[in-house]
Amino acid sequence: MKIIKLIVTTKSKKYPIIIGSNIITKIPGILKSNNIFFEKSLIIADTKVPKKKLNILKKKIISKKTIVHFFNANEKNKNLKNVNLILNKLFKYNFNRNDCIISFGGGITGDVSGFAASIFKRGLKFINIPTTLLSQVDSSIGGKTGVNNKYGKNLIGSFMQPDLVISDISMLTSLPKREIVCGYGEILKHSIIHSNNTFSYLNKNYIKILNLKSPFIEKTIAESCKIKRGIVQKDEKEKNLRKILNLGHTFAHAYEATLSYSKKLNHGEAVILGIMSSANFSFKNNFLNKKDYQKIMKHLIKLKIPSNLNHYFKKKHINLIIKFMKSDKKNNSSRINLILIKKIGKVLLGLTFDIKKIEQFLKKELIY
């Protein structure tokens, strides 16, 4: 398979995204061709990543000293305590700003690694090697880093563009089907934001994509990266346009937090559920036309994850969901900010709603 190279150019940094199969074996050449050099490297490896792949990476990284820090990646461990463990290791081995952190895992690993890289001595080199479909199409692009606390998700963080992103598609074959569906949720979100043509391609080929069939999976990952790249290049720090990437996420983050980040609902599933809630809210409040609403809902149902809020929540959870929606970092008033859908290919920014309106919506969604 041909290697795909995309360049992301923001005000703070210009960096490549390399997409291909078995490309961690080609890392020495990738680093050299992109003028990335360092003396010491700390690989932050998700404990779920196959050891065989980690051993390949360790052998291929050319540095005087390569250290591995294992990280049990889950939302509960995405916190300042684990960031501090990474920082202590960097201090122990006397890292400097010309050395490198390498994230080797999914989005949680990338968020924690990137945040540590951004605050250690005000920033050192950062390479992201995302190993899940979700992180390859979303969190590895655009430089958002962060951790959770008791008030909500990603409320402590920074913008830290990586020096390099390497998306090795061969890493995806070890993932359970549930993880692939989770990544597909972000791909679907990008298509709803972008165009009817992109959405139609997914509608036609979603089974091949979910089964990681070539060339459909490569084309889909690259297209999703291009959509996000286009938005990030125009609005790196999420002042305006980039907020459209939060479609479904205000609901999604609140759903995750309400369930205390349990395995019952992981991030990708929460995003799918959040897109469904956003589509429902958009349609019921006359923002979204019926034809596109039905197309989106039919596609979501095909993914065969429990799509009814009743599967996860009871009415007693509504106050907690609202509490987390209010503390979402995108809000700057007592009202709740939502990204809604006008039609496939056009979403609406800057809409805020009274808390009572959201409560009424959730109550109706949770009617048995």
Protein backbone atom coordinates (compact mmCIF):
# COMPACT_ATOMS: atom_id res chain seq x y z
CA MET A 1 0.00 0.00 0.00
CA LYS A 2 1.15 3.50 -0.83
CA ILE A 3 2.19 5.70 2.10
CA ILE A 4 0.06 8.85 2.43
CA LYS A 5 1.64 12.05 3.75
CA LEU A 6 -0.42 15.05 4.83
CA ILE A 7 1.07 18.33 6.08
CA VAL A 8 -0.65 20.28 8.84
CA THR A 9 0.32 23.97 8.94
CA THR A 10 -0.74 26.03 11.95
CA LYS A 11 0.55 29.33 13.35
CA SER A 12 2.56 27.49 15.99
CA LYS A 13 3.96 24.55 14.00
CA LYS A 14 4.07 22.70 10.68
CA TYR A 15 4.13 18.89 10.90
CA PRO A 16 3.44 15.76 8.84
CA ILE A 17 0.87 13.01 9.31
CA ILE A 18 2.14 9.75 7.80
CA ILE A 19 -0.50 7.08 7.05
CA GLY A 20 0.35 3.55 5.93
CA SER A 21 0.58 -0.11 6.85
CA ASN A 22 3.51 -1.51 8.90
CA ILE A 23 5.18 1.90 8.83
CA ILE A 24 6.59 1.71 12.37
CA THR A 25 9.25 -0.49 10.74
CA LYS A 26 10.14 2.52 8.56
CA ILE A 27 10.55 5.00 11.45
CA PRO A 28 14.31 5.64 11.00
CA GLY A 29 13.70 6.86 7.44
CA ILE A 30 10.58 8.83 8.44
CA LEU A 31 12.48 10.66 11.21
CA LYS A 32 15.44 11.41 8.97
CA SER A 33 13.37 12.64 6.03
CA ASN A 34 11.45 14.99 8.34
CA ASN A 35 14.61 16.28 10.11
CA ILE A 36 13.55 15.01 13.54
CA PHE A 37 16.52 14.16 15.79
CA PHE A 38 16.85 13.68 19.55
CA GLU A 39 19.27 12.10 22.02
CA LYS A 40 16.80 10.66 24.54
CA SER A 41 13.26 9.39 24.08
CA LEU A 42 10.51 8.35 26.50
CA ILE A 43 7.96 6.02 24.93
CA ILE A 44 4.65 6.23 26.80
CA ALA A 45 3.07 2.90 25.90
CA ASP A 46 -0.51 1.92 26.53
CA THR A 47 -0.42 -1.44 28.34
CA LYS A 48 -2.95 -2.78 25.79
CA VAL A 49 -0.63 -2.26 22.79
CA PRO A 50 0.81 -5.62 21.59
CA LYS A 51 4.30 -6.18 23.07
CA LYS A 52 5.55 -7.34 19.67
CA LYS A 53 4.75 -3.92 18.17
CA LEU A 54 6.33 -2.12 21.12
CA ASN A 55 9.55 -4.14 20.70
CA ILE A 56 9.66 -3.18 17.01
CA LEU A 57 9.25 0.49 17.93
CA LYS A 58 11.99 0.32 20.58
CA LYS A 59 14.43 -1.22 18.09
CA LYS A 60 13.62 1.34 15.40
CA ILE A 61 13.94 4.49 17.53
CA ILE A 62 17.44 5.87 17.03
CA SER A 63 18.51 7.61 20.23
CA LYS A 64 21.26 7.27 22.83
CA LYS A 65 18.70 6.31 25.47
CA THR A 66 15.16 4.98 25.01
CA ILE A 67 13.00 4.49 28.10
CA VAL A 68 9.51 2.96 28.21
CA HIS A 69 6.83 4.18 30.60
CA PHE A 70 3.78 1.90 30.69
CA PHE A 71 0.42 3.62 31.06
CA ASN A 72 -2.87 1.87 31.80
CA ALA A 73 -4.97 4.05 29.52
CA ASN A 74 -8.52 4.72 30.67
CA GLU A 75 -10.52 7.83 31.51
CA LYS A 76 -10.04 7.35 35.26
CA ASN A 77 -6.24 7.34 34.83
CA LYS A 78 -6.31 10.42 32.61
CA ASN A 79 -5.35 12.70 35.49
CA LEU A 80 -2.64 14.92 36.94
CA LYS A 81 -1.30 12.09 39.10
CA ASN A 82 -0.28 10.10 36.02
CA VAL A 83 1.10 13.21 34.30
CA ASN A 84 3.28 13.73 37.37
CA LEU A 85 4.64 10.16 37.12
CA ILE A 86 5.73 10.94 33.55
CA LEU A 87 7.31 14.26 34.55
CA ASN A 88 9.24 12.58 37.38
CA LYS A 89 10.67 10.06 34.91
CA LEU A 90 11.75 12.88 32.58
CA PHE A 91 13.50 14.64 35.48
CA LYS A 92 15.08 11.40 36.72
CA TYR A 93 16.73 10.76 33.34
CA ASN A 94 17.64 14.42 32.87
CA PHE A 95 15.63 15.08 29.69
CA ASN A 96 16.00 18.45 28.01
CA ARG A 97 13.92 20.38 25.48
CA ASN A 98 15.67 18.73 22.53
CA ASP A 99 14.63 15.26 23.70
CA CYS A 100 11.37 13.56 22.82
CA ILE A 101 8.20 12.01 24.22
CA ILE A 102 6.65 9.36 21.97
CA SER A 103 3.03 8.42 22.59
CA PHE A 104 2.24 4.83 21.60
CA GLY A 105 -1.43 4.16 22.24
CA GLY A 106 -4.91 5.55 21.73
CA GLY A 107 -6.34 8.99 22.33
CA ILE A 108 -6.07 8.91 26.11
CA THR A 109 -2.37 8.03 25.91
CA GLY A 110 -1.86 10.80 23.33
CA ASP A 111 -3.70 13.39 25.45
CA VAL A 112 -1.70 12.59 28.60
CA SER A 113 1.64 12.32 26.73
CA GLY A 114 1.06 15.55 24.81
CA PHE A 115 0.12 17.42 27.97
CA ALA A 116 3.25 16.18 29.77
CA ALA A 117 5.34 17.18 26.72
CA SER A 118 3.79 20.67 26.71
CA ILE A 119 4.53 21.48 30.36
CA PHE A 120 7.94 19.82 30.86
CA LYS A 121 10.44 22.72 30.74
CA ARG A 122 7.74 24.56 28.72
CA GLY A 123 7.81 22.03 25.93
CA LEU A 124 9.90 19.27 24.41
CA LYS A 125 9.59 17.28 21.17
CA PHE A 126 6.47 15.17 20.80
CA ILE A 127 5.74 12.32 18.39
CA ASN A 128 2.28 10.76 18.37
CA ILE A 129 1.85 7.18 17.12
CA PRO A 130 -1.91 6.59 17.51
CA THR A 131 -2.84 2.91 17.67
CA THR A 132 -6.66 3.08 17.59
CA LEU A 133 -8.95 4.15 14.77
CA LEU A 134 -10.45 6.84 17.02
CA SER A 135 -7.07 8.45 17.70
CA GLN A 136 -5.85 8.09 14.09
CA VAL A 137 -8.79 10.07 12.70
CA ASP A 138 -9.30 12.55 15.52
CA SER A 139 -7.29 13.17 18.69
CA SER A 140 -3.82 12.83 17.14
CA ILE A 141 -4.53 15.79 14.84
CA GLY A 142 -4.75 19.39 16.00
CA GLY A 143 -2.70 19.58 19.17
CA LYS A 144 -5.35 19.35 21.89
CA THR A 145 -3.99 17.76 25.07
CA GLY A 146 -5.47 17.42 28.51
CA VAL A 147 -6.63 15.46 31.53
CA ASN A 148 -9.84 15.04 33.49
CA ASN A 149 -10.71 16.00 37.05
CA LYS A 150 -13.77 15.60 39.29
CA TYR A 151 -15.45 18.58 37.57
CA GLY A 152 -15.41 17.03 34.11
CA LYS A 153 -13.51 15.86 31.06
CA ASN A 154 -10.41 17.56 29.57
CA LEU A 155 -10.78 20.61 31.81
CA ILE A 156 -7.01 20.84 32.42
CA GLY A 157 -4.93 21.00 29.25
CA SER A 158 -3.03 22.88 26.60
CA PHE A 159 -2.58 23.21 22.86
CA MET A 160 0.59 21.34 21.85
CA GLN A 161 1.01 20.52 18.18
CA PRO A 162 3.08 17.33 17.69
CA ASP A 163 6.27 17.27 15.64
CA LEU A 164 5.09 14.16 13.81
CA VAL A 165 2.06 11.82 13.65
CA ILE A 166 2.51 8.24 12.41
CA SER A 167 -0.74 6.33 11.79
CA ASP A 168 0.10 2.68 11.21
CA ILE A 169 -3.03 0.93 9.93
CA SER A 170 -1.63 -2.53 10.77
CA MET A 171 -2.07 -1.59 14.46
CA LEU A 172 -5.84 -1.65 14.00
CA THR A 173 -6.08 -5.39 13.32
CA SER A 174 -5.49 -6.18 17.01
CA LEU A 175 -8.43 -4.05 18.13
CA PRO A 176 -11.79 -5.49 19.21
CA LYS A 177 -14.76 -4.63 16.97
CA ARG A 178 -16.13 -2.30 19.66
CA GLU A 179 -13.02 -0.09 19.33
CA ILE A 180 -13.38 0.10 15.54
CA VAL A 181 -17.00 1.22 15.88
CA CYS A 182 -15.85 3.88 18.37
CA GLY A 183 -13.40 5.32 15.86
CA TYR A 184 -16.05 5.21 13.19
CA GLY A 185 -18.17 7.58 15.32
CA GLU A 186 -15.61 10.38 14.78
CA ILE A 187 -15.37 9.55 11.07
CA LEU A 188 -19.15 9.88 10.83
CA LYS A 189 -19.01 13.19 12.73
CA HIS A 190 -16.48 14.57 10.23
CA SER A 191 -18.70 13.52 7.31
CA ILE A 192 -21.77 15.26 8.80
CA ILE A 193 -19.71 18.43 9.24
CA HIS A 194 -18.11 18.25 5.80
CA SER A 195 -20.39 17.21 2.92
CA ASN A 196 -23.17 15.00 1.64
CA ASN A 197 -20.66 13.28 -0.68
CA THR A 198 -18.45 12.21 2.24
CA PHE A 199 -21.51 11.00 4.17
CA SER A 200 -22.77 9.06 1.12
CA TYR A 201 -19.36 7.34 0.74
CA LEU A 202 -19.65 6.10 4.34
CA ASN A 203 -23.27 5.07 3.83
CA LYS A 204 -22.22 2.96 0.85
CA ASN A 205 -19.01 1.47 2.28
CA TYR A 206 -19.42 1.41 6.07
CA ILE A 207 -19.27 -2.41 6.31
CA LYS A 208 -15.96 -2.52 4.38
CA ILE A 209 -14.58 0.31 6.53
CA LEU A 210 -15.61 -1.41 9.78
CA ASN A 211 -13.95 -4.61 8.52
CA LEU A 212 -10.73 -2.63 7.76
CA LYS A 213 -10.84 -3.56 4.06
CA SER A 214 -8.25 -1.95 1.80
CA PRO A 215 -8.35 0.57 0.12
CA PHE A 216 -11.54 1.75 1.89
CA ILE A 217 -10.02 2.08 5.37
CA GLU A 218 -6.95 3.99 4.11
CA LYS A 219 -9.08 6.36 2.04
CA THR A 220 -11.46 6.96 4.95
CA ILE A 221 -8.69 7.68 7.49
CA ALA A 222 -6.94 10.07 5.08
CA GLU A 223 -10.20 11.86 4.19
CA SER A 224 -11.12 12.23 7.86
CA CYS A 225 -7.66 13.64 8.65
CA LYS A 226 -7.98 16.10 5.76
CA ILE A 227 -11.34 17.36 7.04
CA LYS A 228 -9.98 17.96 10.53
CA ARG A 229 -6.73 19.42 9.16
CA GLY A 230 -8.67 21.98 7.11
CA ILE A 231 -10.54 23.15 10.20
CA VAL A 232 -7.50 23.20 12.54
CA GLN A 233 -5.41 25.19 10.05
CA LYS A 234 -8.07 27.92 10.01
CA ASP A 235 -8.65 27.95 13.78
CA GLU A 236 -5.86 26.34 15.80
CA LYS A 237 -6.97 27.51 19.27
CA GLU A 238 -10.71 26.85 18.90
CA LYS A 239 -11.76 30.50 18.88
CA ASN A 240 -14.59 29.95 16.42
CA LEU A 241 -14.69 27.51 13.46
CA ARG A 242 -12.92 24.63 15.24
CA LYS A 243 -15.85 24.41 17.64
CA ILE A 244 -17.77 22.54 14.93
CA LEU A 245 -15.56 19.52 15.73
CA ASN A 246 -17.41 19.37 19.06
CA LEU A 247 -20.60 18.19 17.35
CA GLY A 248 -22.19 15.72 19.79
CA HIS A 249 -19.42 16.17 22.36
CA THR A 250 -21.26 18.35 24.91
CA PHE A 251 -23.78 15.53 25.33
CA ALA A 252 -21.08 12.83 24.98
CA HIS A 253 -18.73 14.17 27.67
CA ALA A 254 -21.63 14.59 30.10
CA TYR A 255 -22.83 11.03 29.44
CA GLU A 256 -19.35 9.64 30.11
CA ALA A 257 -18.87 11.67 33.30
CA THR A 258 -22.34 10.75 34.61
CA LEU A 259 -21.39 7.07 34.35
CA SER A 260 -18.01 7.83 36.01
CA TYR A 261 -16.17 6.83 32.81
CA SER A 262 -17.23 3.19 33.23
CA LYS A 263 -16.69 0.47 30.62
CA LYS A 264 -20.45 0.48 30.03
CA LEU A 265 -19.95 3.47 27.71
CA ASN A 266 -16.57 4.32 26.21
CA HIS A 267 -15.66 7.61 24.54
CA GLY A 268 -16.40 6.63 20.95
CA GLU A 269 -19.78 5.16 21.89
CA ALA A 270 -20.54 8.32 23.87
CA VAL A 271 -19.75 10.41 20.76
CA ILE A 272 -22.14 8.29 18.67
CA LEU A 273 -24.80 8.71 21.36
CA GLY A 274 -24.00 12.46 21.49
CA ILE A 275 -24.39 12.80 17.70
CA MET A 276 -27.74 11.04 17.99
CA SER A 277 -28.83 13.42 20.78
CA SER A 278 -27.65 16.43 18.73
CA ALA A 279 -29.55 15.20 15.67
CA ASN A 280 -32.69 14.62 17.76
CA PHE A 281 -32.39 18.05 19.42
CA SER A 282 -31.73 19.72 16.04
CA PHE A 283 -34.75 18.07 14.43
CA LYS A 284 -37.15 18.62 17.34
CA ASN A 285 -36.20 22.31 17.47
CA ASN A 286 -36.67 22.77 13.69
CA PHE A 287 -33.02 23.29 12.79
CA LEU A 288 -32.54 20.01 10.87
CA ASN A 289 -34.71 18.94 7.92
CA LYS A 290 -36.55 15.62 8.10
CA LYS A 291 -34.78 13.99 5.14
CA ASP A 292 -31.26 14.50 6.51
CA TYR A 293 -32.41 13.66 10.03
CA GLN A 294 -33.70 10.28 8.85
CA LYS A 295 -30.49 9.61 6.87
CA ILE A 296 -28.33 10.29 9.93
CA MET A 297 -30.50 8.23 12.29
CA LYS A 298 -30.69 5.26 9.91
CA HIS A 299 -26.92 5.27 9.58
CA LEU A 300 -26.40 5.45 13.35
CA ILE A 301 -28.79 2.52 13.91
CA LYS A 302 -26.77 0.41 11.43
CA LEU A 303 -23.77 0.62 13.80
CA LYS A 304 -25.67 -1.64 16.22
CA ILE A 305 -24.64 -0.05 19.49
CA PRO A 306 -27.38 0.54 22.09
CA SER A 307 -28.66 3.89 20.85
CA ASN A 308 -31.43 4.50 23.34
CA LEU A 309 -30.53 6.68 26.34
CA ASN A 310 -32.69 4.39 28.49
CA HIS A 311 -30.05 1.68 28.07
CA TYR A 312 -27.58 3.80 30.05
CA PHE A 313 -29.57 6.26 32.17
CA LYS A 314 -32.66 6.74 34.28
CA LYS A 315 -34.55 10.00 34.88
CA LYS A 316 -32.71 10.41 38.19
CA HIS A 317 -29.49 10.92 36.16
CA ILE A 318 -30.79 14.05 34.37
CA ASN A 319 -29.56 16.52 37.02
CA LEU A 320 -26.08 15.01 36.90
CA ILE A 321 -25.99 15.08 33.08
CA ILE A 322 -27.01 18.77 33.17
CA LYS A 323 -24.37 19.51 35.82
CA PHE A 324 -21.63 18.11 33.59
CA MET A 325 -23.02 19.85 30.51
CA LYS A 326 -22.90 23.17 32.43
CA SER A 327 -19.24 22.63 33.40
CA ASP A 328 -18.23 21.86 29.80
CA LYS A 329 -15.26 24.06 28.86
CA LYS A 330 -17.09 25.39 25.76
CA ASN A 331 -19.65 27.21 27.91
CA ASN A 332 -19.04 30.78 29.01
CA SER A 333 -22.41 31.64 30.52
CA SER A 334 -25.19 30.08 32.57
CA ARG A 335 -26.68 28.73 29.34
CA ILE A 336 -25.52 25.58 27.55
CA ASN A 337 -23.68 25.85 24.23
CA LEU A 338 -24.61 23.22 21.63
CA ILE A 339 -23.34 22.55 18.11
CA LEU A 340 -26.41 21.60 16.07
CA ILE A 341 -27.00 20.24 12.57
CA LYS A 342 -28.66 22.33 9.85
CA LYS A 343 -28.17 19.70 7.15
CA ILE A 344 -25.52 17.13 6.22
CA GLY A 345 -22.53 19.32 5.38
CA LYS A 346 -23.59 22.29 7.52
CA VAL A 347 -23.60 22.65 11.29
CA LEU A 348 -24.59 25.61 13.43
CA LEU A 349 -22.26 27.37 15.86
CA GLY A 350 -22.87 29.79 18.72
CA LEU A 351 -26.27 28.50 19.81
CA THR A 352 -26.96 28.56 23.53
CA PHE A 353 -29.96 27.12 25.31
CA ASP A 354 -31.67 27.55 28.64
CA ILE A 355 -31.03 24.69 31.07
CA LYS A 356 -34.78 24.00 31.34
CA LYS A 357 -34.98 23.38 27.59
CA ILE A 358 -32.19 20.77 27.81
CA GLU A 359 -33.88 19.17 30.84
CA GLN A 360 -37.19 18.88 28.98
CA PHE A 361 -35.42 17.32 26.00
CA LEU A 362 -33.63 14.73 28.16
CA LYS A 363 -36.85 13.88 30.03
CA LYS A 364 -38.59 13.13 26.73
CA GLU A 365 -35.61 11.08 25.54
CA LEU A 366 -35.74 9.02 28.74
CA ILE A 367 -39.48 8.20 28.59
CA TYR A 368 -39.92 4.42 28.73
